[in-house]
Protein backbone atom coordinates (compact mmCIF):
# COMPACT_ATOMS: atom_id res chain seq x y z
CA UNK A 1 -69.94 -10.04 40.85
CA UNK A 2 -73.49 -11.19 41.56
CA UNK A 3 -74.03 -8.26 43.94
CA UNK A 4 -72.99 -5.80 41.23
CA UNK A 5 -75.41 -7.30 38.71
CA UNK A 6 -78.16 -7.30 41.33
CA UNK A 7 -77.42 -3.63 42.10
CA UNK A 8 -77.59 -2.66 38.42
CA UNK A 9 -80.88 -4.51 37.97
CA UNK A 10 -82.40 -2.77 41.00
CA UNK A 11 -81.14 0.59 39.73
CA UNK A 12 -82.84 -0.01 36.36
CA UNK A 13 -86.10 -0.89 38.11
CA UNK A 14 -85.96 2.24 40.24
CA UNK A 15 -85.15 4.43 37.22
CA UNK A 16 -88.19 3.07 35.42
CA UNK A 17 -90.34 4.43 38.28
CA UNK A 18 -89.00 7.97 37.95
CA UNK A 19 -91.30 10.52 36.35
CA UNK A 20 -89.15 13.08 34.58
CA UNK A 21 -90.52 16.60 34.14
CA UNK A 22 -91.75 17.74 30.75
CA UNK A 23 -90.14 20.57 28.85
CA UNK A 24 -93.01 22.88 29.85
CA UNK A 25 -92.63 22.02 33.56
CA UNK A 26 -88.90 22.74 33.43
CA UNK A 27 -89.55 26.06 31.68
CA UNK A 28 -92.19 27.06 34.25
CA UNK A 29 -89.92 26.14 37.15
CA UNK A 30 -87.05 28.11 35.60
CA UNK A 31 -89.17 31.24 35.22
CA UNK A 32 -90.56 30.89 38.74
CA UNK A 33 -87.08 30.61 40.24
CA UNK A 34 -85.82 33.47 38.06
CA UNK A 35 -88.70 35.69 39.16
CA UNK A 36 -88.23 34.94 42.87
CA UNK A 37 -84.47 35.51 42.69
CA UNK A 38 -84.99 38.80 40.85
CA UNK A 39 -87.57 40.07 43.35
CA UNK A 40 -85.45 39.10 46.36
CA UNK A 41 -82.35 40.68 44.79
CA UNK A 42 -84.19 43.93 44.13
CA UNK A 43 -85.56 43.95 47.67
CA UNK A 44 -82.11 43.40 49.18
CA UNK A 45 -80.63 46.11 46.94
CA UNK A 46 -83.32 48.51 48.09
CA UNK A 47 -82.71 47.66 51.76
CA UNK A 48 -78.97 48.11 51.22
CA UNK A 49 -79.54 51.48 49.58
CA UNK A 50 -81.81 52.69 52.38
CA UNK A 51 -79.41 51.52 55.06
CA UNK A 52 -76.45 53.11 53.27
CA UNK A 53 -78.19 56.45 52.83
CA UNK A 54 -79.46 56.51 56.41
CA UNK A 55 -76.04 55.62 57.77
CA UNK A 56 -74.38 58.27 55.63
CA UNK A 57 -76.84 60.83 56.96
CA UNK A 58 -75.90 59.96 60.54
CA UNK A 59 -72.15 60.22 59.99
């Protein structure tokens, strides 16, 4: 039982060291990820379209 209490106390100490992001940082990270995913998706859609059209022209 002493090990469990010791573990919980160490976990509390470590959690007090954590710096959680602010609301603004979370919002900025969300928009950055959203933008990158959108750009990559559009690029892959364009590559897929070009490959599909070029392959259809060959066949």
